[in-house]
């Protein structure tokens, strides 16, 4: 989960990278989580831009950090409930 989260969410990635090394995460799951996380983020942004065009692009650039942090909050709440 941490490997995927570190690729999707907007905060600095160095902390998660160091944490995965410190926790001795196995290399293959780490790489797979990185591919899934980064791929999902880029695919989501591309899909939004294809659907909304230039108008959505300007709004997305304006609110990208807020949207990312809102997603982090929803994941934390979701994990906290389970």
C-alpha atoms as a PDB file:
ATOM      1  CA  UNK A   1       0.000   0.000   0.000  1.00  0.00           C
ATOM      2  CA  UNK A   2       2.764   2.442   0.896  1.00  0.00           C
ATOM      3  CA  UNK A   3       4.499   1.868  -2.407  1.00  0.00           C
ATOM      4  CA  UNK A   4       1.350   2.672  -4.345  1.00  0.00           C
ATOM      5  CA  UNK A   5       0.437   5.649  -2.153  1.00  0.00           C
ATOM      6  CA  UNK A   6       3.869   7.195  -2.538  1.00  0.00           C
ATOM      7  CA  UNK A   7       3.447   7.284  -6.313  1.00  0.00           C
ATOM      8  CA  UNK A   8      -0.097   8.643  -6.419  1.00  0.00           C
ATOM      9  CA  UNK A   9      -0.166  11.350  -3.779  1.00  0.00           C
ATOM     10  CA  UNK A  10       1.454  14.786  -4.064  1.00  0.00           C
ATOM     11  CA  UNK A  11       3.831  14.859  -1.105  1.00  0.00           C
ATOM     12  CA  UNK A  12       7.600  14.282  -1.408  1.00  0.00           C
ATOM     13  CA  UNK A  13       8.516  10.762  -2.447  1.00  0.00           C
ATOM     14  CA  UNK A  14      11.869  10.590  -0.672  1.00  0.00           C
ATOM     15  CA  UNK A  15      10.271   9.794   2.692  1.00  0.00           C
ATOM     16  CA  UNK A  16       8.444   6.757   1.332  1.00  0.00           C
ATOM     17  CA  UNK A  17      11.506   5.629  -0.584  1.00  0.00           C
ATOM     18  CA  UNK A  18      13.634   5.728   2.560  1.00  0.00           C
ATOM     19  CA  UNK A  19      10.882   4.028   4.573  1.00  0.00           C
ATOM     20  CA  UNK A  20      10.588   1.149   2.098  1.00  0.00           C
ATOM     21  CA  UNK A  21      14.343   0.628   2.266  1.00  0.00           C
ATOM     22  CA  UNK A  22      14.353   0.834   6.057  1.00  0.00           C
ATOM     23  CA  UNK A  23      11.521  -1.690   6.296  1.00  0.00           C
ATOM     24  CA  UNK A  24      13.387  -4.025   3.903  1.00  0.00           C
ATOM     25  CA  UNK A  25      10.573  -4.165   1.383  1.00  0.00           C
ATOM     26  CA  UNK A  26      11.129  -6.821  -1.263  1.00  0.00           C
ATOM     27  CA  UNK A  27      12.284  -5.320  -4.568  1.00  0.00           C
ATOM     28  CA  UNK A  28       9.733  -6.852  -6.979  1.00  0.00           C
ATOM     29  CA  UNK A  29       6.604  -5.740  -5.029  1.00  0.00           C
ATOM     30  CA  UNK A  30       8.220  -2.322  -4.628  1.00  0.00           C
ATOM     31  CA  UNK A  31       8.701  -1.979  -8.393  1.00  0.00           C
ATOM     32  CA  UNK A  32       5.197  -3.300  -9.131  1.00  0.00           C
ATOM     33  CA  UNK A  33       3.645  -0.875  -6.639  1.00  0.00           C
ATOM     34  CA  UNK A  34       5.601   1.976  -8.216  1.00  0.00           C
ATOM     35  CA  UNK A  35       4.414   1.046 -11.710  1.00  0.00           C
ATOM     36  CA  UNK A  36       0.784   0.695 -10.582  1.00  0.00           C
ATOM     37  CA  UNK A  37       0.850   3.927  -8.586  1.00  0.00           C
ATOM     38  CA  UNK A  38       2.508   6.099 -11.210  1.00  0.00           C
ATOM     39  CA  UNK A  39       0.533   4.548 -14.025  1.00  0.00           C
ATOM     40  CA  UNK A  40      -2.768   5.146 -12.266  1.00  0.00           C
ATOM     41  CA  UNK A  41      -1.917   8.767 -11.571  1.00  0.00           C
ATOM     42  CA  UNK A  42      -0.863   9.541 -15.140  1.00  0.00           C
ATOM     43  CA  UNK A  43      -3.828   7.620 -16.575  1.00  0.00           C
ATOM     44  CA  UNK A  44      -6.264   9.527 -14.327  1.00  0.00           C
ATOM     45  CA  UNK A  45      -4.837  12.916 -15.305  1.00  0.00           C
ATOM     46  CA  UNK A  46      -4.814  12.004 -19.014  1.00  0.00           C
ATOM     47  CA  UNK A  47      -8.405  10.761 -18.823  1.00  0.00           C
ATOM     48  CA  UNK A  48      -9.550  13.963 -17.094  1.00  0.00           C
ATOM     49  CA  UNK A  49      -7.771  16.163 -19.631  1.00  0.00           C
ATOM     50  CA  UNK A  50      -9.177  14.200 -22.571  1.00  0.00           C
ATOM     51  CA  UNK A  51     -12.690  14.584 -21.174  1.00  0.00           C
ATOM     52  CA  UNK A  52     -12.473  18.221 -20.090  1.00  0.00           C
ATOM     53  CA  UNK A  53     -10.093  19.840 -22.542  1.00  0.00           C
ATOM     54  CA  UNK A  54      -8.244  23.109 -21.985  1.00  0.00           C
ATOM     55  CA  UNK A  55     -10.810  24.523 -19.560  1.00  0.00           C
ATOM     56  CA  UNK A  56     -10.409  21.555 -17.203  1.00  0.00           C
ATOM     57  CA  UNK A  57      -6.624  21.680 -17.623  1.00  0.00           C
ATOM     58  CA  UNK A  58      -6.441  25.207 -16.210  1.00  0.00           C
ATOM     59  CA  UNK A  59      -8.683  24.269 -13.279  1.00  0.00           C
ATOM     60  CA  UNK A  60      -6.759  21.065 -12.663  1.00  0.00           C
ATOM     61  CA  UNK A  61      -3.461  22.961 -12.523  1.00  0.00           C
ATOM     62  CA  UNK A  62      -5.001  25.434 -10.099  1.00  0.00           C
ATOM     63  CA  UNK A  63      -6.430  22.817  -7.716  1.00  0.00           C
ATOM     64  CA  UNK A  64      -4.015  19.868  -8.148  1.00  0.00           C
ATOM     65  CA  UNK A  65      -2.484  20.132  -4.677  1.00  0.00           C
ATOM     66  CA  UNK A  66      -5.865  20.437  -2.992  1.00  0.00           C
ATOM     67  CA  UNK A  67      -7.241  17.461  -4.904  1.00  0.00           C
ATOM     68  CA  UNK A  68      -4.206  15.392  -3.987  1.00  0.00           C
ATOM     69  CA  UNK A  69      -4.449  16.213  -0.296  1.00  0.00           C
ATOM     70  CA  UNK A  70      -8.197  15.528  -0.336  1.00  0.00           C
ATOM     71  CA  UNK A  71      -7.422  12.094  -1.777  1.00  0.00           C
ATOM     72  CA  UNK A  72      -4.856  11.494   0.961  1.00  0.00           C
ATOM     73  CA  UNK A  73      -7.443  12.436   3.581  1.00  0.00           C
ATOM     74  CA  UNK A  74     -10.023  10.077   2.080  1.00  0.00           C
ATOM     75  CA  UNK A  75      -7.535   7.196   2.071  1.00  0.00           C
ATOM     76  CA  UNK A  76      -6.536   7.875   5.682  1.00  0.00           C
ATOM     77  CA  UNK A  77     -10.191   7.998   6.722  1.00  0.00           C
ATOM     78  CA  UNK A  78     -10.903   4.814   4.762  1.00  0.00           C
ATOM     79  CA  UNK A  79      -7.983   2.987   6.354  1.00  0.00           C
ATOM     80  CA  UNK A  80      -8.992   4.318   9.784  1.00  0.00           C
ATOM     81  CA  UNK A  81     -12.545   2.986   9.396  1.00  0.00           C
ATOM     82  CA  UNK A  82     -11.345  -0.491   8.434  1.00  0.00           C
END
